[in-house]
Amino acid sequence: MVAFFSKLKEGLTKTRNNFVDKVNQLVAVTRKIDEELFEDLEAVMLQADVGVAATSRLIAELRSEAKKQGLNDASQLKGLLRSKMGDILGVQAPLQINSQGPTVYLVVGVNGVGKTTTIGKLAYRSVKEKKRVLLAAGDTFRAAAIEQLEVWSSRTGVDLVKHQAGSDPAAVVYDAIQAAVKRGVDLLIIDTAGRLHTKSNLMEELRKIRRIISREMPGAPHEVLLVLDATTGQNAVRQAELFKEATEVTGIVLAKLDGTAKGGIVLAIKEELGIPVKLVGVGEGNEDLRDFSGEEFLAALFGEEETG
């Protein structure tokens, strides 16, 4: 999809300016490869929110490869850096599908990251793929959250399981699973409250929801998708650490990737937590959510043309 790649490329402009353009300046053909260059590269990576762990790995590998290959000109490092970044991102990690019944996705994250919008876009995409989708309004703390999901339910033409605001989220989830099995849907997407990750009681409730899902449908949830706001940089990594501990997060949805100067967070998340980014959002449109491809991300980041 050329249109999406163009949006991704445009959306990563600030990150490109903050990272790749600065790398280009550092590795000018007249500059020699020395320790000062590696220190400058390290500073650029940290400013782009690549993170300490990923940055340390990349610098160590660049230093080692430069020595092994006998490189002298700094300009030779750019292609090497791109290659090593690709090694960190690894191969594309597709969303898991349950072939034995309804697939269940549990969607978690703090308030304001774009969780409900992500659910709506995922439902929209799944309907276009001719799948029968059911939504569950597991965020019962905010009446507005239920109303927002109702809007997406109407817009996408999918059913919604909901209770009154203030009711037990676990009860909503239980009813949704029963309905998903009874109606033979392909995909059940469960919303949850935008929990403050510092509130241990709310995290415990999230664990309870997961236990109910697993009890009522062995093997589920098939994905626990944590929605993160790309513009928050390293704070997103801290959120991911805490949610991973509470809910065994299987994949990241990186929302608001368009317009952030902190796109390096993709590398930080993968290197520090080992959680793959599975979906990325680059706009407000229904189709602005797509499976994450490390190669596509790097091509867009480095300002290249789409390949294949």
Protein backbone atom coordinates (compact mmCIF):
# COMPACT_ATOMS: atom_id res chain seq x y z
CA MET A 1 0.00 0.00 0.00
CA VAL A 2 1.92 2.96 -1.35
CA ALA A 3 -0.42 5.44 0.34
CA PHE A 4 0.35 4.05 3.79
CA PHE A 5 4.09 3.98 3.17
CA SER A 6 3.96 7.61 2.05
CA LYS A 7 2.10 8.52 5.23
CA LEU A 8 4.61 6.59 7.34
CA LYS A 9 7.51 8.28 5.57
CA GLU A 10 5.92 11.70 6.04
CA GLY A 11 5.00 10.90 9.64
CA LEU A 12 8.60 10.02 10.46
CA THR A 13 9.91 13.36 9.15
CA LYS A 14 10.59 14.74 12.63
CA THR A 15 12.36 11.55 13.69
CA ARG A 16 14.35 11.62 10.46
CA ASN A 17 15.38 15.22 11.13
CA ASN A 18 16.23 14.36 14.73
CA PHE A 19 18.11 11.16 13.97
CA VAL A 20 19.00 10.21 10.39
CA ASP A 21 19.87 13.72 9.22
CA LYS A 22 22.15 14.18 12.22
CA VAL A 23 23.78 10.82 11.51
CA ASN A 24 24.33 11.97 7.93
CA GLN A 25 26.06 15.09 9.19
CA LEU A 26 28.28 13.06 11.50
CA VAL A 27 29.35 10.51 8.91
CA ALA A 28 30.42 13.02 6.27
CA VAL A 29 32.88 11.42 3.88
CA THR A 30 35.74 13.60 5.14
CA ARG A 31 35.44 12.39 8.72
CA LYS A 32 37.51 9.56 10.12
CA ILE A 33 36.15 6.73 12.23
CA ASP A 34 37.36 7.38 15.76
CA GLU A 35 36.10 7.29 19.34
CA GLU A 36 34.80 10.84 19.15
CA LEU A 37 32.57 9.85 16.23
CA PHE A 38 31.10 6.93 18.18
CA GLU A 39 30.40 9.22 21.13
CA ASP A 40 28.63 11.70 18.86
CA LEU A 41 26.57 8.92 17.28
CA GLU A 42 25.64 7.67 20.73
CA ALA A 43 24.37 11.12 21.73
CA VAL A 44 22.22 11.37 18.58
CA MET A 45 20.64 7.95 19.20
CA LEU A 46 19.79 8.76 22.80
CA GLN A 47 18.20 12.05 21.75
CA ALA A 48 16.01 10.14 19.28
CA ASP A 49 14.80 7.85 22.12
CA VAL A 50 16.53 4.76 20.78
CA GLY A 51 17.18 3.98 24.46
CA VAL A 52 20.30 3.13 26.43
CA ALA A 53 20.24 -0.63 25.79
CA ALA A 54 19.66 -0.45 22.02
CA THR A 55 22.12 2.44 21.66
CA SER A 56 24.84 0.57 23.57
CA ARG A 57 24.31 -2.51 21.41
CA LEU A 58 24.38 -0.54 18.16
CA ILE A 59 27.52 1.41 19.06
CA ALA A 60 29.32 -1.76 20.19
CA GLU A 61 28.40 -3.54 16.96
CA LEU A 62 29.40 -0.58 14.80
CA ARG A 63 32.74 -0.34 16.57
CA SER A 64 33.36 -4.09 16.19
CA GLU A 65 32.33 -4.26 12.52
CA ALA A 66 34.31 -1.16 11.59
CA LYS A 67 37.43 -2.75 13.07
CA LYS A 68 36.74 -6.17 11.57
CA GLN A 69 36.12 -4.76 8.08
CA GLY A 70 38.96 -2.23 8.33
CA LEU A 71 36.67 0.71 7.61
CA ASN A 72 38.22 4.17 7.58
CA ASP A 73 35.63 6.59 6.23
CA ALA A 74 32.73 7.48 8.49
CA SER A 75 30.36 7.49 5.49
CA GLN A 76 30.64 3.70 5.44
CA LEU A 77 28.91 3.48 8.80
CA LYS A 78 25.44 4.61 7.70
CA GLY A 79 24.55 1.44 5.80
CA LEU A 80 26.04 -0.62 8.60
CA LEU A 81 23.91 1.22 11.16
CA ARG A 82 20.74 0.63 9.17
CA SER A 83 21.56 -3.08 8.90
CA LYS A 84 22.18 -3.41 12.65
CA MET A 85 18.91 -1.59 13.40
CA GLY A 86 17.18 -4.16 11.21
CA ASP A 87 18.73 -6.94 13.30
CA ILE A 88 17.18 -5.47 16.45
CA LEU A 89 13.72 -5.10 14.90
CA GLY A 90 13.86 -8.64 13.52
CA VAL A 91 11.26 -10.25 11.30
CA GLN A 92 7.66 -9.09 11.15
CA ALA A 93 5.50 -10.48 13.97
CA PRO A 94 1.95 -11.00 12.70
CA LEU A 95 -1.13 -10.93 14.92
CA GLN A 96 -2.04 -14.38 16.23
CA ILE A 97 -5.21 -16.02 14.96
CA ASN A 98 -7.17 -18.80 16.67
CA SER A 99 -8.27 -21.38 14.11
CA GLN A 100 -10.35 -23.34 16.64
CA GLY A 101 -12.90 -20.63 17.47
CA PRO A 102 -13.10 -16.93 18.25
CA THR A 103 -9.80 -15.06 18.37
CA VAL A 104 -9.61 -12.85 21.47
CA TYR A 105 -7.58 -9.64 21.67
CA LEU A 106 -7.29 -7.87 25.03
CA VAL A 107 -6.36 -4.20 24.53
CA VAL A 108 -4.69 -2.33 27.40
CA GLY A 109 -2.98 1.01 28.03
CA VAL A 110 -3.25 4.27 29.93
CA ASN A 111 -5.76 7.02 29.19
CA GLY A 112 -5.18 9.22 26.19
CA VAL A 113 -2.95 6.94 24.13
CA GLY A 114 -5.56 6.22 21.45
CA LYS A 115 -6.78 2.86 22.75
CA THR A 116 -10.45 3.18 21.72
CA THR A 117 -9.50 4.56 18.31
CA THR A 118 -7.11 1.65 17.80
CA ILE A 119 -9.88 -0.83 18.64
CA GLY A 120 -12.21 0.90 16.18
CA LYS A 121 -9.63 0.83 13.40
CA LEU A 122 -8.84 -2.82 14.09
CA ALA A 123 -12.54 -3.65 13.93
CA TYR A 124 -12.88 -1.69 10.68
CA ARG A 125 -9.95 -3.54 9.14
CA SER A 126 -11.24 -6.93 10.26
CA VAL A 127 -14.71 -6.26 8.83
CA LYS A 128 -13.11 -5.33 5.50
CA GLU A 129 -11.40 -8.73 5.65
CA LYS A 130 -14.89 -10.28 5.89
CA LYS A 131 -14.49 -11.26 9.55
CA ARG A 132 -17.33 -11.25 12.06
CA VAL A 133 -16.27 -8.99 14.92
CA LEU A 134 -17.60 -8.41 18.42
CA LEU A 135 -16.50 -5.59 20.73
CA ALA A 136 -16.57 -5.65 24.53
CA ALA A 137 -16.78 -2.42 26.54
CA GLY A 138 -14.56 -3.50 29.42
CA ASP A 139 -13.79 0.09 30.41
CA THR A 140 -16.70 0.64 32.76
CA PHE A 141 -15.00 3.40 34.75
CA ARG A 142 -15.80 6.08 32.19
CA ALA A 143 -19.22 6.40 30.62
CA ALA A 144 -17.53 8.24 27.76
CA ALA A 145 -15.44 5.15 26.99
CA ILE A 146 -18.58 3.07 26.47
CA GLU A 147 -20.10 5.80 24.32
CA GLN A 148 -16.94 6.04 22.19
CA LEU A 149 -17.01 2.31 21.59
CA GLU A 150 -20.69 2.54 20.68
CA VAL A 151 -19.79 5.07 18.00
CA TRP A 152 -17.21 2.69 16.53
CA SER A 153 -19.67 -0.21 16.83
CA SER A 154 -22.19 1.75 14.77
CA ARG A 155 -19.60 3.00 12.30
CA THR A 156 -18.20 -0.46 11.58
CA GLY A 157 -21.48 -2.35 11.83
CA VAL A 158 -20.31 -4.73 14.56
CA ASP A 159 -22.07 -5.73 17.79
CA LEU A 160 -21.04 -4.43 21.19
CA VAL A 161 -21.35 -6.14 24.58
CA LYS A 162 -21.71 -3.52 27.31
CA HIS A 163 -22.97 -3.01 30.85
CA GLN A 164 -23.77 0.17 32.69
CA ALA A 165 -20.96 2.53 33.67
CA GLY A 166 -19.55 1.56 37.05
CA SER A 167 -20.33 -2.13 36.72
CA ASP A 168 -17.80 -4.94 37.09
CA PRO A 169 -15.51 -5.09 34.02
CA ALA A 170 -14.92 -8.79 34.60
CA ALA A 171 -18.66 -9.42 34.21
CA VAL A 172 -18.65 -7.61 30.87
CA VAL A 173 -15.74 -9.73 29.70
CA TYR A 174 -17.45 -12.94 30.84
CA ASP A 175 -20.64 -12.06 28.94
CA ALA A 176 -18.65 -11.06 25.86
CA ILE A 177 -16.85 -14.40 25.71
CA GLN A 178 -20.11 -16.32 26.04
CA ALA A 179 -21.62 -14.19 23.26
CA ALA A 180 -18.57 -14.62 21.03
CA VAL A 181 -18.75 -18.41 21.29
CA LYS A 182 -22.54 -18.55 20.90
CA ARG A 183 -22.59 -16.27 17.87
CA GLY A 184 -19.56 -17.87 16.26
CA VAL A 185 -17.69 -14.64 15.68
CA ASP A 186 -14.17 -14.59 14.28
CA LEU A 187 -12.73 -11.88 16.51
CA LEU A 188 -13.55 -10.51 19.96
CA ILE A 189 -11.78 -7.25 20.87
CA ILE A 190 -11.94 -6.32 24.55
CA ASP A 191 -11.44 -2.74 25.70
CA THR A 192 -10.15 -2.07 29.23
CA ALA A 193 -9.97 1.01 31.43
CA GLY A 194 -7.12 3.42 30.76
CA ARG A 195 -5.40 2.35 33.92
CA LEU A 196 -2.82 4.47 35.62
CA HIS A 197 0.08 2.04 35.68
CA THR A 198 1.03 3.23 39.16
CA LYS A 199 -2.26 1.97 40.66
CA SER A 200 -1.66 -1.58 41.85
CA ASN A 201 -5.36 -2.30 42.51
CA LEU A 202 -6.26 -1.47 38.91
CA MET A 203 -3.44 -3.66 37.64
CA GLU A 204 -4.73 -6.49 39.81
CA GLU A 205 -8.13 -6.10 38.21
CA LEU A 206 -6.49 -6.42 34.81
CA ARG A 207 -4.95 -9.68 35.97
CA LYS A 208 -8.43 -10.83 37.07
CA ILE A 209 -9.85 -10.08 33.62
CA ARG A 210 -7.10 -12.09 32.01
CA ARG A 211 -7.74 -15.04 34.34
CA ILE A 212 -11.45 -15.04 33.43
CA ILE A 213 -10.65 -14.99 29.72
CA SER A 214 -8.23 -17.92 30.09
CA ARG A 215 -10.70 -19.87 32.25
CA GLU A 216 -13.63 -19.43 29.88
CA MET A 217 -11.61 -19.94 26.71
CA PRO A 218 -8.40 -21.95 27.20
CA GLY A 219 -5.56 -20.47 25.17
CA ALA A 220 -7.07 -17.00 25.16
CA PRO A 221 -6.37 -14.13 25.01
CA HIS A 222 -4.49 -14.78 21.81
CA GLU A 223 -2.99 -11.30 21.93
CA VAL A 224 -2.59 -8.77 24.73
CA LEU A 225 -2.03 -5.56 22.81
CA LEU A 226 -0.58 -2.61 24.68
CA VAL A 227 -1.33 0.71 23.01
CA LEU A 228 1.46 3.26 23.48
CA ASP A 229 1.72 6.87 22.39
CA ALA A 230 4.90 7.22 20.31
CA THR A 231 5.23 10.89 21.25
CA THR A 232 5.93 10.02 24.91
CA GLY A 233 9.33 8.45 24.18
CA GLN A 234 11.00 6.72 27.11
CA ASN A 235 7.87 7.03 29.25
CA ALA A 236 6.28 4.53 26.87
CA VAL A 237 9.00 2.01 27.74
CA ARG A 238 8.25 2.41 31.46
CA GLN A 239 4.55 1.84 30.79
CA ALA A 240 5.35 -1.26 28.77
CA GLU A 241 7.47 -2.69 31.60
CA LEU A 242 4.63 -2.41 34.10
CA PHE A 243 1.90 -3.66 31.80
CA LYS A 244 4.06 -6.60 30.72
CA GLU A 245 4.42 -7.59 34.36
CA ALA A 246 0.66 -7.38 34.97
CA THR A 247 -0.75 -8.82 31.75
CA GLU A 248 1.97 -10.65 29.79
CA VAL A 249 1.81 -8.23 26.87
CA THR A 250 2.35 -10.00 23.55
CA GLY A 251 2.50 -7.04 21.22
CA ILE A 252 2.69 -3.26 21.03
CA VAL A 253 0.41 -0.96 19.07
CA LEU A 254 2.39 2.22 18.53
CA ALA A 255 -0.12 5.01 18.00
CA LYS A 256 0.58 8.59 16.91
CA LEU A 257 3.78 7.62 15.11
CA ASP A 258 3.07 10.44 12.69
CA GLY A 259 4.56 13.72 13.80
CA THR A 260 6.82 12.42 16.59
CA ALA A 261 10.54 13.09 16.86
CA LYS A 262 10.82 10.03 19.09
CA GLY A 263 10.33 7.23 16.58
CA GLY A 264 13.48 5.56 17.89
CA ILE A 265 11.28 4.23 20.69
CA VAL A 266 10.47 1.27 18.40
CA LEU A 267 14.05 0.05 18.86
CA ALA A 268 14.07 0.75 22.60
CA ILE A 269 10.92 -1.30 23.21
CA LYS A 270 12.18 -4.30 21.24
CA GLU A 271 15.68 -4.30 22.74
CA GLU A 272 14.75 -3.62 26.37
CA LEU A 273 11.55 -5.65 26.65
CA GLY A 274 11.62 -8.13 23.81
CA ILE A 275 8.04 -7.18 22.90
CA PRO A 276 7.45 -6.80 19.16
CA VAL A 277 5.63 -3.81 17.75
CA LYS A 278 2.76 -5.45 15.86
CA LEU A 279 0.69 -2.48 14.69
CA VAL A 280 1.40 1.18 13.97
CA GLY A 281 -0.94 4.12 13.60
CA VAL A 282 -0.03 7.10 11.43
CA GLY A 283 -3.19 9.18 11.31
CA GLU A 284 -6.85 9.56 12.20
CA GLY A 285 -8.33 7.73 9.21
CA ASN A 286 -9.97 4.31 9.45
CA GLU A 287 -7.20 2.76 7.36
CA ASP A 288 -4.31 4.46 9.17
CA LEU A 289 -3.52 1.34 11.21
CA ARG A 290 -1.28 -1.31 9.73
CA ASP A 291 0.84 -4.32 10.61
CA PHE A 292 4.32 -3.17 11.59
CA SER A 293 7.20 -4.11 9.31
CA GLY A 294 10.71 -3.34 10.52
CA GLU A 295 12.00 -3.12 6.95
CA GLU A 296 9.21 -0.75 5.94
CA PHE A 297 9.83 1.35 9.05
CA LEU A 298 13.56 1.64 8.33
CA ALA A 299 12.97 2.44 4.64
CA ALA A 300 10.57 5.23 5.65
CA LEU A 301 12.88 6.46 8.42
CA PHE A 302 15.92 6.64 6.14
CA GLY A 303 13.89 8.40 3.44
CA GLU A 304 14.10 5.57 0.92
CA GLU A 305 11.54 4.54 -1.66
CA GLU A 306 9.14 1.70 -0.97
CA THR A 307 10.46 -1.67 -2.09
CA GLY A 308 7.98 -4.18 -3.40
